[in-house]
Each structure stands twice: as C-alpha cells, then as structure tokens.
Amino acid sequence: MVDKHGNEVGVGDVVRVLEIAPKLLSILAPDERQRIEAMLNNEYVVDDLPEPNKISVSISWEEDDGQIAFSGLYMLPHEFELVLKRSGTSTAGETK
C-alpha cells in the first residue's frame, strides 16, 4: 500500500489525513460528521489494510454518559500521506 507520494505504508505507521470523501461526509449524522471532519490535517496510526488499496485509521472519544465511542476512515492513497514509519524513522530518513 502506498500514500499520495508513493511511500510504502503499513499497519502501525503514522499518516496525515489530507482529504475526506464528500460523499462519506454527506451520509453521516451531524455529530459524527463533525468528528470525522476534525480528522482532516491530523495524524493517525494505521489500524489495518482492510481492502486492496485502502488503509484504516480510527478515533475514539468518551460520550457524556461515560461510554467510549469509535469511528474512523477507510482511505485511498490520494487521501493521506505518510508521516512516520513504525520503525521510528520519518520519510526523510530522520530518526524521531
């Protein structure tokens, strides 16, 4: 799996969300839409490679009643970029 720039990406790597499909946003409830839109330009650990040519990233939050809620995105390569390899080196080869 590769990102927008052709960098190899795997489970555990950190990526930045560059784009969220408008079609996805249009079907979400307002509260979930707000949480998903807030993911734009932020960094997340890749959870899974659920389908060919897609990665999965997730978010969680605590609801008013103390319950933990989860959501996330499946993203295509043009929608994200690699920030940090799980080995601890950046795409520029600098150790973090």
PDB file of N, CA and C in Angstrom:
ATOM      1  N   MET A   1       0.848  -1.174   0.000  1.00  0.00           N
ATOM      2  CA  MET A   1       0.000   0.000   0.000  1.00  0.00           C
ATOM      3  C   MET A   1       0.893   1.236   0.000  1.00  0.00           C
ATOM      4  N   VAL A   2       0.539   2.201  -0.815  1.00  0.00           N
ATOM      5  CA  VAL A   2       1.334   3.428  -0.890  1.00  0.00           C
ATOM      6  C   VAL A   2       0.455   4.653  -0.630  1.00  0.00           C
ATOM      7  N   ASP A   3       1.101   5.749  -0.209  1.00  0.00           N
ATOM      8  CA  ASP A   3       0.389   7.003   0.039  1.00  0.00           C
ATOM      9  C   ASP A   3       0.362   7.875  -1.207  1.00  0.00           C
ATOM     10  N   LYS A   4      -0.079   9.092  -1.056  1.00  0.00           N
ATOM     11  CA  LYS A   4      -0.205  10.042  -2.158  1.00  0.00           C
ATOM     12  C   LYS A   4       1.111  10.243  -2.914  1.00  0.00           C
ATOM     13  N   HIS A   5       2.224  10.122  -2.205  1.00  0.00           N
ATOM     14  CA  HIS A   5       3.541  10.385  -2.776  1.00  0.00           C
ATOM     15  C   HIS A   5       4.283   9.115  -3.198  1.00  0.00           C
ATOM     16  N   GLY A   6       3.609   7.964  -3.080  1.00  0.00           N
ATOM     17  CA  GLY A   6       4.235   6.704  -3.465  1.00  0.00           C
ATOM     18  C   GLY A   6       5.041   6.048  -2.363  1.00  0.00           C
ATOM     19  N   ASN A   7       4.973   6.582  -1.128  1.00  0.00           N
ATOM     20  CA  ASN A   7       5.674   5.981   0.009  1.00  0.00           C
ATOM     21  C   ASN A   7       4.931   4.737   0.483  1.00  0.00           C
ATOM     22  N   GLU A   8       5.676   3.674   0.774  1.00  0.00           N
ATOM     23  CA  GLU A   8       5.082   2.442   1.285  1.00  0.00           C
ATOM     24  C   GLU A   8       4.525   2.683   2.692  1.00  0.00           C
ATOM     25  N   VAL A   9       3.295   2.231   2.939  1.00  0.00           N
ATOM     26  CA  VAL A   9       2.618   2.433   4.216  1.00  0.00           C
ATOM     27  C   VAL A   9       2.109   1.089   4.718  1.00  0.00           C
ATOM     28  N   GLY A  10       2.273   0.844   6.023  1.00  0.00           N
ATOM     29  CA  GLY A  10       1.794  -0.395   6.618  1.00  0.00           C
ATOM     30  C   GLY A  10       1.121  -0.149   7.954  1.00  0.00           C
ATOM     31  N   VAL A  11       0.577  -1.212   8.523  1.00  0.00           N
ATOM     32  CA  VAL A  11      -0.062  -1.144   9.840  1.00  0.00           C
ATOM     33  C   VAL A  11       0.955  -0.646  10.852  1.00  0.00           C
ATOM     34  N   GLY A  12       0.539   0.322  11.676  1.00  0.00           N
ATOM     35  CA  GLY A  12       1.408   0.885  12.701  1.00  0.00           C
ATOM     36  C   GLY A  12       2.083   2.177  12.285  1.00  0.00           C
ATOM     37  N   ASP A  13       2.141   2.458  10.986  1.00  0.00           N
ATOM     38  CA  ASP A  13       2.719   3.717  10.517  1.00  0.00           C
ATOM     39  C   ASP A  13       1.764   4.868  10.835  1.00  0.00           C
ATOM     40  N   VAL A  14       2.310   6.079  10.899  1.00  0.00           N
ATOM     41  CA  VAL A  14       1.510   7.272  11.161  1.00  0.00           C
ATOM     42  C   VAL A  14       1.305   8.009   9.840  1.00  0.00           C
ATOM     43  N   VAL A  15       0.035   8.373   9.577  1.00  0.00           N
ATOM     44  CA  VAL A  15      -0.309   9.087   8.352  1.00  0.00           C
ATOM     45  C   VAL A  15      -1.073  10.368   8.699  1.00  0.00           C
ATOM     46  N   ARG A  16      -1.041  11.317   7.773  1.00  0.00           N
ATOM     47  CA  ARG A  16      -1.817  12.554   7.887  1.00  0.00           C
ATOM     48  C   ARG A  16      -2.995  12.477   6.925  1.00  0.00           C
ATOM     49  N   VAL A  17      -4.182  12.790   7.428  1.00  0.00           N
ATOM     50  CA  VAL A  17      -5.389  12.806   6.605  1.00  0.00           C
ATOM     51  C   VAL A  17      -5.374  14.083   5.762  1.00  0.00           C
ATOM     52  N   LEU A  18      -5.360  13.929   4.438  1.00  0.00           N
ATOM     53  CA  LEU A  18      -5.317  15.069   3.521  1.00  0.00           C
ATOM     54  C   LEU A  18      -6.669  15.392   2.906  1.00  0.00           C
ATOM     55  N   GLU A  19      -7.521  14.406   2.821  1.00  0.00           N
ATOM     56  CA  GLU A  19      -8.809  14.577   2.150  1.00  0.00           C
ATOM     57  C   GLU A  19      -9.800  13.583   2.726  1.00  0.00           C
ATOM     58  N   ILE A  20     -11.049  14.006   2.825  1.00  0.00           N
ATOM     59  CA  ILE A  20     -12.129  13.117   3.252  1.00  0.00           C
ATOM     60  C   ILE A  20     -13.197  13.170   2.171  1.00  0.00           C
ATOM     61  N   ALA A  21     -13.616  12.026   1.708  1.00  0.00           N
ATOM     62  CA  ALA A  21     -14.586  11.944   0.612  1.00  0.00           C
ATOM     63  C   ALA A  21     -15.877  12.689   0.967  1.00  0.00           C
ATOM     64  N   PRO A  22     -16.259  13.678   0.161  1.00  0.00           N
ATOM     65  CA  PRO A  22     -17.512  14.414   0.403  1.00  0.00           C
ATOM     66  C   PRO A  22     -18.733  13.505   0.464  1.00  0.00           C
ATOM     67  N   LYS A  23     -18.734  12.446  -0.329  1.00  0.00           N
ATOM     68  CA  LYS A  23     -19.859  11.504  -0.329  1.00  0.00           C
ATOM     69  C   LYS A  23     -20.016  10.857   1.048  1.00  0.00           C
ATOM     70  N   LEU A  24     -18.903  10.517   1.696  1.00  0.00           N
ATOM     71  CA  LEU A  24     -18.954   9.956   3.049  1.00  0.00           C
ATOM     72  C   LEU A  24     -19.539  10.982   4.013  1.00  0.00           C
ATOM     73  N   LEU A  25     -19.017  12.194   3.978  1.00  0.00           N
ATOM     74  CA  LEU A  25     -19.478  13.231   4.897  1.00  0.00           C
ATOM     75  C   LEU A  25     -20.979  13.489   4.751  1.00  0.00           C
ATOM     76  N   SER A  26     -21.478  13.391   3.526  1.00  0.00           N
ATOM     77  CA  SER A  26     -22.887  13.703   3.273  1.00  0.00           C
ATOM     78  C   SER A  26     -23.851  12.700   3.907  1.00  0.00           C
ATOM     79  N   ILE A  27     -23.384  11.503   4.235  1.00  0.00           N
ATOM     80  CA  ILE A  27     -24.285  10.495   4.795  1.00  0.00           C
ATOM     81  C   ILE A  27     -24.172  10.360   6.310  1.00  0.00           C
ATOM     82  N   LEU A  28     -23.236  11.073   6.929  1.00  0.00           N
ATOM     83  CA  LEU A  28     -23.032  10.951   8.371  1.00  0.00           C
ATOM     84  C   LEU A  28     -24.001  11.828   9.152  1.00  0.00           C
ATOM     85  N   ALA A  29     -24.341  11.368  10.353  1.00  0.00           N
ATOM     86  CA  ALA A  29     -25.111  12.195  11.281  1.00  0.00           C
ATOM     87  C   ALA A  29     -24.263  13.409  11.651  1.00  0.00           C
ATOM     88  N   PRO A  30     -24.890  14.546  11.964  1.00  0.00           N
ATOM     89  CA  PRO A  30     -24.131  15.778  12.230  1.00  0.00           C
ATOM     90  C   PRO A  30     -23.023  15.647  13.278  1.00  0.00           C
ATOM     91  N   ASP A  31     -23.278  14.939  14.388  1.00  0.00           N
ATOM     92  CA  ASP A  31     -22.244  14.814  15.412  1.00  0.00           C
ATOM     93  C   ASP A  31     -21.064  13.977  14.934  1.00  0.00           C
ATOM     94  N   GLU A  32     -21.336  12.888  14.203  1.00  0.00           N
ATOM     95  CA  GLU A  32     -20.228  12.075  13.683  1.00  0.00           C
ATOM     96  C   GLU A  32     -19.509  12.815  12.553  1.00  0.00           C
ATOM     97  N   ARG A  33     -20.242  13.518  11.738  1.00  0.00           N
ATOM     98  CA  ARG A  33     -19.625  14.299  10.655  1.00  0.00           C
ATOM     99  C   ARG A  33     -18.616  15.290  11.228  1.00  0.00           C
ATOM    100  N   GLN A  34     -18.980  15.953  12.309  1.00  0.00           N
ATOM    101  CA  GLN A  34     -18.078  16.923  12.939  1.00  0.00           C
ATOM    102  C   GLN A  34     -16.795  16.244  13.415  1.00  0.00           C
ATOM    103  N   ARG A  35     -16.913  15.075  14.008  1.00  0.00           N
ATOM    104  CA  ARG A  35     -15.724  14.353  14.482  1.00  0.00           C
ATOM    105  C   ARG A  35     -14.842  13.900  13.304  1.00  0.00           C
ATOM    106  N   ILE A  36     -15.476  13.401  12.248  1.00  0.00           N
ATOM    107  CA  ILE A  36     -14.716  12.938  11.081  1.00  0.00           C
ATOM    108  C   ILE A  36     -14.052  14.128  10.381  1.00  0.00           C
ATOM    109  N   GLU A  37     -14.765  15.223  10.202  1.00  0.00           N
ATOM    110  CA  GLU A  37     -14.164  16.419   9.580  1.00  0.00           C
ATOM    111  C   GLU A  37     -12.972  16.922  10.388  1.00  0.00           C
ATOM    112  N   ALA A  38     -13.012  16.769  11.704  1.00  0.00           N
ATOM    113  CA  ALA A  38     -11.907  17.205  12.565  1.00  0.00           C
ATOM    114  C   ALA A  38     -10.642  16.367  12.356  1.00  0.00           C
ATOM    115  N   MET A  39     -10.757  15.224  11.689  1.00  0.00           N
ATOM    116  CA  MET A  39      -9.588  14.390  11.406  1.00  0.00           C
ATOM    117  C   MET A  39      -8.713  14.993  10.302  1.00  0.00           C
ATOM    118  N   LEU A  40      -9.284  15.854   9.484  1.00  0.00           N
ATOM    119  CA  LEU A  40      -8.558  16.458   8.369  1.00  0.00           C
ATOM    120  C   LEU A  40      -7.307  17.181   8.864  1.00  0.00           C
ATOM    121  N   ASN A  41      -6.180  16.916   8.221  1.00  0.00           N
ATOM    122  CA  ASN A  41      -4.875  17.505   8.527  1.00  0.00           C
ATOM    123  C   ASN A  41      -4.283  17.055   9.851  1.00  0.00           C
ATOM    124  N   ASN A  42      -4.846  16.016  10.455  1.00  0.00           N
ATOM    125  CA  ASN A  42      -4.285  15.450  11.680  1.00  0.00           C
ATOM    126  C   ASN A  42      -3.678  14.088  11.393  1.00  0.00           C
ATOM    127  N   GLU A  43      -2.905  13.588  12.348  1.00  0.00           N
ATOM    128  CA  GLU A  43      -2.136  12.355  12.172  1.00  0.00           C
ATOM    129  C   GLU A  43      -2.717  11.208  12.990  1.00  0.00           C
ATOM    130  N   TYR A  44      -2.712  10.017  12.375  1.00  0.00           N
ATOM    131  CA  TYR A  44      -3.284   8.819  12.994  1.00  0.00           C
ATOM    132  C   TYR A  44      -2.444   7.597  12.646  1.00  0.00           C
ATOM    133  N   VAL A  45      -2.473   6.626  13.523  1.00  0.00           N
ATOM    134  CA  VAL A  45      -1.794   5.349  13.293  1.00  0.00           C
ATOM    135  C   VAL A  45      -2.676   4.489  12.389  1.00  0.00           C
ATOM    136  N   VAL A  46      -2.070   3.855  11.415  1.00  0.00           N
ATOM    137  CA  VAL A  46      -2.797   2.946  10.521  1.00  0.00           C
ATOM    138  C   VAL A  46      -3.178   1.703  11.319  1.00  0.00           C
ATOM    139  N   ASP A  47      -4.486   1.422  11.394  1.00  0.00           N
ATOM    140  CA  ASP A  47      -5.016   0.262  12.126  1.00  0.00           C
ATOM    141  C   ASP A  47      -4.945  -1.018  11.321  1.00  0.00           C
ATOM    142  N   ASP A  48      -5.231  -0.876  10.026  1.00  0.00           N
ATOM    143  CA  ASP A  48      -5.455  -2.071   9.221  1.00  0.00           C
ATOM    144  C   ASP A  48      -5.315  -1.717   7.742  1.00  0.00           C
ATOM    145  N   LEU A  49      -5.140  -2.733   6.933  1.00  0.00           N
ATOM    146  CA  LEU A  49      -5.204  -2.638   5.477  1.00  0.00           C
ATOM    147  C   LEU A  49      -6.417  -3.486   5.088  1.00  0.00           C
ATOM    148  N   PRO A  50      -7.643  -2.934   5.208  1.00  0.00           N
ATOM    149  CA  PRO A  50      -8.865  -3.732   5.127  1.00  0.00           C
ATOM    150  C   PRO A  50      -9.221  -4.269   3.749  1.00  0.00           C
ATOM    151  N   GLU A  51      -8.799  -3.567   2.721  1.00  0.00           N
ATOM    152  CA  GLU A  51      -9.096  -3.959   1.347  1.00  0.00           C
ATOM    153  C   GLU A  51      -7.909  -3.566   0.492  1.00  0.00           C
ATOM    154  N   PRO A  52      -7.783  -4.139  -0.691  1.00  0.00           N
ATOM    155  CA  PRO A  52      -6.704  -3.696  -1.569  1.00  0.00           C
ATOM    156  C   PRO A  52      -6.803  -2.190  -1.818  1.00  0.00           C
ATOM    157  N   ASN A  53      -5.676  -1.509  -1.696  1.00  0.00           N
ATOM    158  CA  ASN A  53      -5.577  -0.084  -1.996  1.00  0.00           C
ATOM    159  C   ASN A  53      -6.283   0.813  -0.975  1.00  0.00           C
ATOM    160  N   LYS A  54      -6.502   0.328   0.263  1.00  0.00           N
ATOM    161  CA  LYS A  54      -7.121   1.137   1.315  1.00  0.00           C
ATOM    162  C   LYS A  54      -6.417   0.910   2.644  1.00  0.00           C
ATOM    163  N   ILE A  55      -6.383   1.990   3.452  1.00  0.00           N
ATOM    164  CA  ILE A  55      -5.936   1.863   4.841  1.00  0.00           C
ATOM    165  C   ILE A  55      -7.103   2.251   5.739  1.00  0.00           C
ATOM    166  N   SER A  56      -6.977   1.905   7.006  1.00  0.00           N
ATOM    167  CA  SER A  56      -7.977   2.249   8.009  1.00  0.00           C
ATOM    168  C   SER A  56      -7.300   2.989   9.157  1.00  0.00           C
ATOM    169  N   VAL A  57      -7.902   4.105   9.599  1.00  0.00           N
ATOM    170  CA  VAL A  57      -7.475   4.818  10.805  1.00  0.00           C
ATOM    171  C   VAL A  57      -8.718   5.036  11.669  1.00  0.00           C
ATOM    172  N   SER A  58      -8.523   5.133  12.988  1.00  0.00           N
ATOM    173  CA  SER A  58      -9.656   5.213  13.905  1.00  0.00           C
ATOM    174  C   SER A  58      -9.489   6.340  14.912  1.00  0.00           C
ATOM    175  N   ILE A  59     -10.647   6.764  15.447  1.00  0.00           N
ATOM    176  CA  ILE A  59     -10.682   7.718  16.549  1.00  0.00           C
ATOM    177  C   ILE A  59     -11.626   7.174  17.612  1.00  0.00           C
ATOM    178  N   SER A  60     -11.453   7.615  18.839  1.00  0.00           N
ATOM    179  CA  SER A  60     -12.372   7.264  19.915  1.00  0.00           C
ATOM    180  C   SER A  60     -12.569   8.487  20.801  1.00  0.00           C
ATOM    181  N   TRP A  61     -13.686   8.512  21.511  1.00  0.00           N
ATOM    182  CA  TRP A  61     -13.984   9.614  22.418  1.00  0.00           C
ATOM    183  C   TRP A  61     -14.931   9.103  23.489  1.00  0.00           C
ATOM    184  N   GLU A  62     -15.007   9.841  24.582  1.00  0.00           N
ATOM    185  CA  GLU A  62     -15.918   9.491  25.662  1.00  0.00           C
ATOM    186  C   GLU A  62     -17.208  10.284  25.506  1.00  0.00           C
ATOM    187  N   GLU A  63     -18.326   9.571  25.549  1.00  0.00           N
ATOM    188  CA  GLU A  63     -19.646  10.204  25.475  1.00  0.00           C
ATOM    189  C   GLU A  63     -20.003  10.787  26.840  1.00  0.00           C
ATOM    190  N   ASP A  64     -21.042  11.601  26.880  1.00  0.00           N
ATOM    191  CA  ASP A  64     -21.488  12.234  28.125  1.00  0.00           C
ATOM    192  C   ASP A  64     -21.817  11.221  29.214  1.00  0.00           C
ATOM    193  N   ASP A  65     -22.286  10.047  28.818  1.00  0.00           N
ATOM    194  CA  ASP A  65     -22.667   9.017  29.795  1.00  0.00           C
ATOM    195  C   ASP A  65     -21.488   8.124  30.207  1.00  0.00           C
ATOM    196  N   GLY A  66     -20.278   8.481  29.761  1.00  0.00           N
ATOM    197  CA  GLY A  66     -19.090   7.713  30.127  1.00  0.00           C
ATOM    198  C   GLY A  66     -18.754   6.586  29.171  1.00  0.00           C
ATOM    199  N   GLN A  67     -19.616   6.303  28.214  1.00  0.00           N
ATOM    200  CA  GLN A  67     -19.354   5.267  27.217  1.00  0.00           C
ATOM    201  C   GLN A  67     -18.262   5.730  26.255  1.00  0.00           C
ATOM    202  N   ILE A  68     -17.481   4.792  25.747  1.00  0.00           N
ATOM    203  CA  ILE A  68     -16.462   5.089  24.745  1.00  0.00           C
ATOM    204  C   ILE A  68     -17.059   4.804  23.371  1.00  0.00           C
ATOM    205  N   ALA A  69     -16.934   5.766  22.459  1.00  0.00           N
ATOM    206  CA  ALA A  69     -17.428   5.610  21.097  1.00  0.00           C
ATOM    207  C   ALA A  69     -16.255   5.590  20.133  1.00  0.00           C
ATOM    208  N   PHE A  70     -16.428   4.937  19.002  1.00  0.00           N
ATOM    209  CA  PHE A  70     -15.379   4.794  18.000  1.00  0.00           C
ATOM    210  C   PHE A  70     -15.906   5.165  16.621  1.00  0.00           C
ATOM    211  N   SER A  71     -15.010   5.660  15.786  1.00  0.00           N
ATOM    212  CA  SER A  71     -15.302   5.904  14.387  1.00  0.00           C
ATOM    213  C   SER A  71     -13.975   5.892  13.650  1.00  0.00           C
ATOM    214  N   GLY A  72     -14.001   6.165  12.369  1.00  0.00           N
ATOM    215  CA  GLY A  72     -12.760   6.196  11.626  1.00  0.00           C
ATOM    216  C   GLY A  72     -12.994   6.287  10.140  1.00  0.00           C
ATOM    217  N   LEU A  73     -11.914   6.108   9.414  1.00  0.00           N
ATOM    218  CA  LEU A  73     -11.935   6.254   7.964  1.00  0.00           C
ATOM    219  C   LEU A  73     -11.234   5.095   7.284  1.00  0.00           C
ATOM    220  N   TYR A  74     -11.764   4.689   6.146  1.00  0.00           N
ATOM    221  CA  TYR A  74     -11.021   3.912   5.169  1.00  0.00           C
ATOM    222  C   TYR A  74     -10.578   4.938   4.144  1.00  0.00           C
ATOM    223  N   MET A  75      -9.296   4.932   3.793  1.00  0.00           N
ATOM    224  CA  MET A  75      -8.786   5.949   2.878  1.00  0.00           C
ATOM    225  C   MET A  75      -8.042   5.343   1.699  1.00  0.00           C
ATOM    226  N   LEU A  76      -8.216   5.995   0.557  1.00  0.00           N
ATOM    227  CA  LEU A  76      -7.478   5.667  -0.662  1.00  0.00           C
ATOM    228  C   LEU A  76      -6.160   6.433  -0.668  1.00  0.00           C
ATOM    229  N   PRO A  77      -5.186   6.018  -1.464  1.00  0.00           N
ATOM    230  CA  PRO A  77      -3.860   6.637  -1.433  1.00  0.00           C
ATOM    231  C   PRO A  77      -3.832   8.161  -1.567  1.00  0.00           C
ATOM    232  N   HIS A  78      -4.678   8.747  -2.391  1.00  0.00           N
ATOM    233  CA  HIS A  78      -4.626  10.200  -2.582  1.00  0.00           C
ATOM    234  C   HIS A  78      -5.165  10.980  -1.375  1.00  0.00           C
ATOM    235  N   GLU A  79      -5.740  10.271  -0.395  1.00  0.00           N
ATOM    236  CA  GLU A  79      -6.353  10.930   0.750  1.00  0.00           C
ATOM    237  C   GLU A  79      -5.444  11.040   1.969  1.00  0.00           C
ATOM    238  N   PHE A  80      -4.223  10.504   1.897  1.00  0.00           N
ATOM    239  CA  PHE A  80      -3.325  10.551   3.061  1.00  0.00           C
ATOM    240  C   PHE A  80      -1.873  10.572   2.623  1.00  0.00           C
ATOM    241  N   GLU A  81      -1.005  10.973   3.588  1.00  0.00           N
ATOM    242  CA  GLU A  81       0.434  10.905   3.345  1.00  0.00           C
ATOM    243  C   GLU A  81       1.136  10.340   4.572  1.00  0.00           C
ATOM    244  N   LEU A  82       2.192   9.606   4.332  1.00  0.00           N
ATOM    245  CA  LEU A  82       2.999   9.020   5.391  1.00  0.00           C
ATOM    246  C   LEU A  82       3.715  10.118   6.168  1.00  0.00           C
ATOM    247  N   VAL A  83       3.673  10.031   7.493  1.00  0.00           N
ATOM    248  CA  VAL A  83       4.374  10.968   8.360  1.00  0.00           C
ATOM    249  C   VAL A  83       5.529  10.265   9.065  1.00  0.00           C
ATOM    250  N   LEU A  84       5.282   9.033   9.545  1.00  0.00           N
ATOM    251  CA  LEU A  84       6.279   8.331  10.346  1.00  0.00           C
ATOM    252  C   LEU A  84       6.138   6.821  10.163  1.00  0.00           C
ATOM    253  N   LYS A  85       7.250   6.158   9.843  1.00  0.00           N
ATOM    254  CA  LYS A  85       7.251   4.701   9.764  1.00  0.00           C
ATOM    255  C   LYS A  85       7.271   4.126  11.170  1.00  0.00           C
ATOM    256  N   ARG A  86       6.671   2.976  11.364  1.00  0.00           N
ATOM    257  CA  ARG A  86       6.623   2.375  12.698  1.00  0.00           C
ATOM    258  C   ARG A  86       8.015   2.058  13.235  1.00  0.00           C
ATOM    259  N   SER A  87       9.013   2.002  12.360  1.00  0.00           N
ATOM    260  CA  SER A  87      10.389   1.749  12.792  1.00  0.00           C
ATOM    261  C   SER A  87      10.984   2.947  13.524  1.00  0.00           C
ATOM    262  N   GLY A  88      10.280   4.105  13.451  1.00  0.00           N
ATOM    263  CA  GLY A  88      10.761   5.291  14.153  1.00  0.00           C
ATOM    264  C   GLY A  88      11.525   6.250  13.278  1.00  0.00           C
ATOM    265  N   THR A  89      11.529   6.037  11.967  1.00  0.00           N
ATOM    266  CA  THR A  89      12.194   6.988  11.078  1.00  0.00           C
ATOM    267  C   THR A  89      11.165   7.677  10.203  1.00  0.00           C
ATOM    268  N   SER A  90      11.394   8.934   9.927  1.00  0.00           N
ATOM    269  CA  SER A  90      10.466   9.680   9.083  1.00  0.00           C
ATOM    270  C   SER A  90      10.708   9.364   7.634  1.00  0.00           C
ATOM    271  N   THR A  91       9.846   9.913   6.759  1.00  0.00           N
ATOM    272  CA  THR A  91      10.011   9.664   5.337  1.00  0.00           C
ATOM    273  C   THR A  91      11.273  10.313   4.813  1.00  0.00           C
ATOM    274  N   ALA A  92      11.817  11.290   5.537  1.00  0.00           N
ATOM    275  CA  ALA A  92      13.052  11.946   5.120  1.00  0.00           C
ATOM    276  C   ALA A  92      14.270  11.221   5.677  1.00  0.00           C
ATOM    277  N   GLY A  93      14.043  10.155   6.448  1.00  0.00           N
ATOM    278  CA  GLY A  93      15.133   9.380   6.988  1.00  0.00           C
ATOM    279  C   GLY A  93      15.666   9.901   8.309  1.00  0.00           C
ATOM    280  N   GLU A  94      15.003  10.900   8.897  1.00  0.00           N
ATOM    281  CA  GLU A  94      15.450  11.420  10.192  1.00  0.00           C
ATOM    282  C   GLU A  94      14.856  10.550  11.288  1.00  0.00           C
ATOM    283  N   THR A  95      15.645  10.259  12.308  1.00  0.00           N
ATOM    284  CA  THR A  95      15.143   9.480  13.443  1.00  0.00           C
ATOM    285  C   THR A  95      14.321  10.388  14.340  1.00  0.00           C
ATOM    286  N   LYS A  96      13.163   9.901  14.730  1.00  0.00           N
ATOM    287  CA  LYS A  96      12.260  10.673  15.606  1.00  0.00           C
ATOM    288  C   LYS A  96      12.426  10.207  17.028  1.00  0.00           C
TER     289      LYS A  96
END
